[in-house]
Amino acid sequence: QVHLVESGGGLVQAGGSLRLSCTASGRTVSSNNMAWFRQAPGQERELVAETIRWNGESTYANSVKGRFTISRDNAKNTVNLQMNALKPEDTAVYYCAMGTASYNIWGQGTQVTVSS
């Protein structure tokens, strides 16, 4: 009933930029908290960026503050993650997530690889 699809991942050199997009079906982005998580091999899943439905405020992991920006495109029912000044340690599978009380809807993930 609810489905999230990420796109925009790929290979980029350190210092470069990528923009990830997440398109939702079956539920509106505007009525949900939206987030991007990432998981690197051997590591726990990490909350990267989050935008709260109640007030539209966005929060970021300390590791990406000043470099990443999460945004909503409500007309397209998408959430985006603009990633700038990428570092090799940003390499991970990035997942889009949606929820109200909790993040219970997840996308399939998109690989981001940053070369040194």
C-alpha atoms as a PDB file:
ATOM      1  CA  GLN A   1       0.000   0.000   0.000  1.00  0.00           C
ATOM      2  CA  VAL A   2       2.859   2.359   0.817  1.00  0.00           C
ATOM      3  CA  HIS A   3       6.044   2.330  -1.161  1.00  0.00           C
ATOM      4  CA  LEU A   4       9.187   4.437  -1.223  1.00  0.00           C
ATOM      5  CA  VAL A   5      11.670   4.436  -4.074  1.00  0.00           C
ATOM      6  CA  GLU A   6      15.058   6.099  -3.828  1.00  0.00           C
ATOM      7  CA  SER A   7      17.102   7.299  -6.740  1.00  0.00           C
ATOM      8  CA  GLY A   8      20.159   9.405  -7.423  1.00  0.00           C
ATOM      9  CA  GLY A   9      22.878   7.331  -5.877  1.00  0.00           C
ATOM     10  CA  GLY A  10      26.119   6.657  -7.628  1.00  0.00           C
ATOM     11  CA  LEU A  11      29.851   7.103  -7.610  1.00  0.00           C
ATOM     12  CA  VAL A  12      31.346  10.499  -6.931  1.00  0.00           C
ATOM     13  CA  GLN A  13      34.773  11.820  -6.057  1.00  0.00           C
ATOM     14  CA  ALA A  14      35.484  13.281  -2.662  1.00  0.00           C
ATOM     15  CA  GLY A  15      34.340  16.874  -2.531  1.00  0.00           C
ATOM     16  CA  GLY A  16      31.621  16.274  -5.071  1.00  0.00           C
ATOM     17  CA  SER A  17      27.861  16.380  -4.764  1.00  0.00           C
ATOM     18  CA  LEU A  18      24.889  14.117  -5.239  1.00  0.00           C
ATOM     19  CA  ARG A  19      21.186  14.612  -4.862  1.00  0.00           C
ATOM     20  CA  LEU A  20      19.081  11.711  -3.696  1.00  0.00           C
ATOM     21  CA  SER A  21      15.357  11.606  -4.279  1.00  0.00           C
ATOM     22  CA  CYS A  22      12.682   9.514  -2.648  1.00  0.00           C
ATOM     23  CA  THR A  23       9.273   9.182  -4.231  1.00  0.00           C
ATOM     24  CA  ALA A  24       6.376   7.988  -2.113  1.00  0.00           C
ATOM     25  CA  SER A  25       3.279   6.131  -3.207  1.00  0.00           C
ATOM     26  CA  GLY A  26       0.216   5.462  -1.101  1.00  0.00           C
ATOM     27  CA  ARG A  27       0.919   8.114   1.502  1.00  0.00           C
ATOM     28  CA  THR A  28       1.720  11.796   1.324  1.00  0.00           C
ATOM     29  CA  VAL A  29       5.129  13.081   2.215  1.00  0.00           C
ATOM     30  CA  SER A  30       3.625  16.248   3.638  1.00  0.00           C
ATOM     31  CA  SER A  31       1.739  14.401   6.383  1.00  0.00           C
ATOM     32  CA  ASN A  32       4.709  12.352   7.560  1.00  0.00           C
ATOM     33  CA  ASN A  33       8.045  12.746   9.151  1.00  0.00           C
ATOM     34  CA  MET A  34      10.631  11.974   6.515  1.00  0.00           C
ATOM     35  CA  ALA A  35      14.194  10.904   6.988  1.00  0.00           C
ATOM     36  CA  TRP A  36      17.280   9.632   5.307  1.00  0.00           C
ATOM     37  CA  PHE A  37      19.278   6.887   6.934  1.00  0.00           C
ATOM     38  CA  ARG A  38      22.463   5.270   5.811  1.00  0.00           C
ATOM     39  CA  GLN A  39      24.228   2.046   6.544  1.00  0.00           C
ATOM     40  CA  ALA A  40      27.778   1.145   5.692  1.00  0.00           C
ATOM     41  CA  PRO A  41      29.109  -2.416   5.777  1.00  0.00           C
ATOM     42  CA  GLY A  42      29.719  -3.555   9.324  1.00  0.00           C
ATOM     43  CA  GLN A  43      28.046  -0.503  10.810  1.00  0.00           C
ATOM     44  CA  GLU A  44      24.710   0.244  12.366  1.00  0.00           C
ATOM     45  CA  ARG A  45      22.097   2.154  10.477  1.00  0.00           C
ATOM     46  CA  GLU A  46      22.526   5.863  11.092  1.00  0.00           C
ATOM     47  CA  LEU A  47      19.986   8.659  10.967  1.00  0.00           C
ATOM     48  CA  VAL A  48      21.433  11.194   8.560  1.00  0.00           C
ATOM     49  CA  ALA A  49      18.721  13.796   8.175  1.00  0.00           C
ATOM     50  CA  GLU A  50      15.148  14.236   9.287  1.00  0.00           C
ATOM     51  CA  THR A  51      12.348  16.675   8.582  1.00  0.00           C
ATOM     52  CA  ILE A  52       9.473  16.848  11.036  1.00  0.00           C
ATOM     53  CA  ARG A  53       5.915  17.154   9.800  1.00  0.00           C
ATOM     54  CA  TRP A  54       4.658  19.311  12.666  1.00  0.00           C
ATOM     55  CA  ASN A  55       6.906  22.288  12.176  1.00  0.00           C
ATOM     56  CA  GLY A  56       9.029  21.503   9.156  1.00  0.00           C
ATOM     57  CA  GLU A  57      12.231  21.655  11.142  1.00  0.00           C
ATOM     58  CA  SER A  58      15.130  19.602   9.911  1.00  0.00           C
ATOM     59  CA  THR A  59      17.840  17.932  11.904  1.00  0.00           C
ATOM     60  CA  TYR A  60      21.084  16.347  10.839  1.00  0.00           C
ATOM     61  CA  ALA A  61      23.668  13.997  12.117  1.00  0.00           C
ATOM     62  CA  ASN A  62      26.715  15.854  13.323  1.00  0.00           C
ATOM     63  CA  SER A  63      28.774  14.156  10.659  1.00  0.00           C
ATOM     64  CA  VAL A  64      26.783  15.779   7.844  1.00  0.00           C
ATOM     65  CA  LYS A  65      25.797  19.146   9.294  1.00  0.00           C
ATOM     66  CA  GLY A  66      26.611  21.937   6.910  1.00  0.00           C
ATOM     67  CA  ARG A  67      26.989  19.541   4.006  1.00  0.00           C
ATOM     68  CA  PHE A  68      23.622  17.819   3.573  1.00  0.00           C
ATOM     69  CA  THR A  69      20.179  19.333   3.161  1.00  0.00           C
ATOM     70  CA  ILE A  70      16.873  17.507   3.351  1.00  0.00           C
ATOM     71  CA  SER A  71      13.863  18.991   1.608  1.00  0.00           C
ATOM     72  CA  ARG A  72      10.341  18.135   0.560  1.00  0.00           C
ATOM     73  CA  ASP A  73       8.799  18.522  -2.865  1.00  0.00           C
ATOM     74  CA  ASN A  74       5.184  18.075  -1.901  1.00  0.00           C
ATOM     75  CA  ALA A  75       3.870  18.547  -5.421  1.00  0.00           C
ATOM     76  CA  LYS A  76       5.930  15.548  -6.495  1.00  0.00           C
ATOM     77  CA  ASN A  77       5.408  13.700  -3.220  1.00  0.00           C
ATOM     78  CA  THR A  78       9.143  13.380  -2.837  1.00  0.00           C
ATOM     79  CA  VAL A  79      11.822  14.071  -0.317  1.00  0.00           C
ATOM     80  CA  ASN A  80      15.323  14.946  -1.410  1.00  0.00           C
ATOM     81  CA  LEU A  81      18.741  14.863   0.137  1.00  0.00           C
ATOM     82  CA  GLN A  82      21.266  17.248  -1.316  1.00  0.00           C
ATOM     83  CA  MET A  83      24.730  16.052  -0.396  1.00  0.00           C
ATOM     84  CA  ASN A  84      27.676  18.371  -0.865  1.00  0.00           C
ATOM     85  CA  ALA A  85      31.350  18.147  -0.003  1.00  0.00           C
ATOM     86  CA  LEU A  86      31.106  14.389   0.072  1.00  0.00           C
ATOM     87  CA  LYS A  87      33.687  12.398   1.948  1.00  0.00           C
ATOM     88  CA  PRO A  88      34.728   8.768   1.586  1.00  0.00           C
ATOM     89  CA  GLU A  89      33.159   8.075   4.968  1.00  0.00           C
ATOM     90  CA  ASP A  90      29.801   9.041   3.473  1.00  0.00           C
ATOM     91  CA  THR A  91      29.926   5.838   1.449  1.00  0.00           C
ATOM     92  CA  ALA A  92      26.898   3.769   2.371  1.00  0.00           C
ATOM     93  CA  VAL A  93      23.532   2.567   1.255  1.00  0.00           C
ATOM     94  CA  TYR A  94      21.110   5.407   1.812  1.00  0.00           C
ATOM     95  CA  TYR A  95      17.524   4.682   2.752  1.00  0.00           C
ATOM     96  CA  CYS A  96      14.503   6.897   2.687  1.00  0.00           C
ATOM     97  CA  ALA A  97      12.084   6.446   5.570  1.00  0.00           C
ATOM     98  CA  MET A  98       8.602   7.667   6.378  1.00  0.00           C
ATOM     99  CA  GLY A  99       6.467   7.628   9.474  1.00  0.00           C
ATOM    100  CA  THR A 100       4.491   9.459  12.103  1.00  0.00           C
ATOM    101  CA  ALA A 101       5.209   7.983  15.524  1.00  0.00           C
ATOM    102  CA  SER A 102       8.065   5.949  14.100  1.00  0.00           C
ATOM    103  CA  TYR A 103       9.777   5.269  10.814  1.00  0.00           C
ATOM    104  CA  ASN A 104       7.991   2.168   9.647  1.00  0.00           C
ATOM    105  CA  ILE A 105       8.076   2.644   5.887  1.00  0.00           C
ATOM    106  CA  TRP A 106      11.389   2.176   4.161  1.00  0.00           C
ATOM    107  CA  GLY A 107      12.725   2.341   0.668  1.00  0.00           C
ATOM    108  CA  GLN A 108      14.963  -0.233  -0.923  1.00  0.00           C
ATOM    109  CA  GLY A 109      18.079   1.876  -0.615  1.00  0.00           C
ATOM    110  CA  THR A 110      20.443   3.488  -3.066  1.00  0.00           C
ATOM    111  CA  GLN A 111      24.201   3.094  -3.037  1.00  0.00           C
ATOM    112  CA  VAL A 112      26.402   6.134  -2.604  1.00  0.00           C
ATOM    113  CA  THR A 113      30.098   5.611  -3.099  1.00  0.00           C
ATOM    114  CA  VAL A 114      32.595   8.399  -2.561  1.00  0.00           C
ATOM    115  CA  SER A 115      36.080   7.785  -3.856  1.00  0.00           C
ATOM    116  CA  SER A 116      39.138   9.294  -2.256  1.00  0.00           C
END
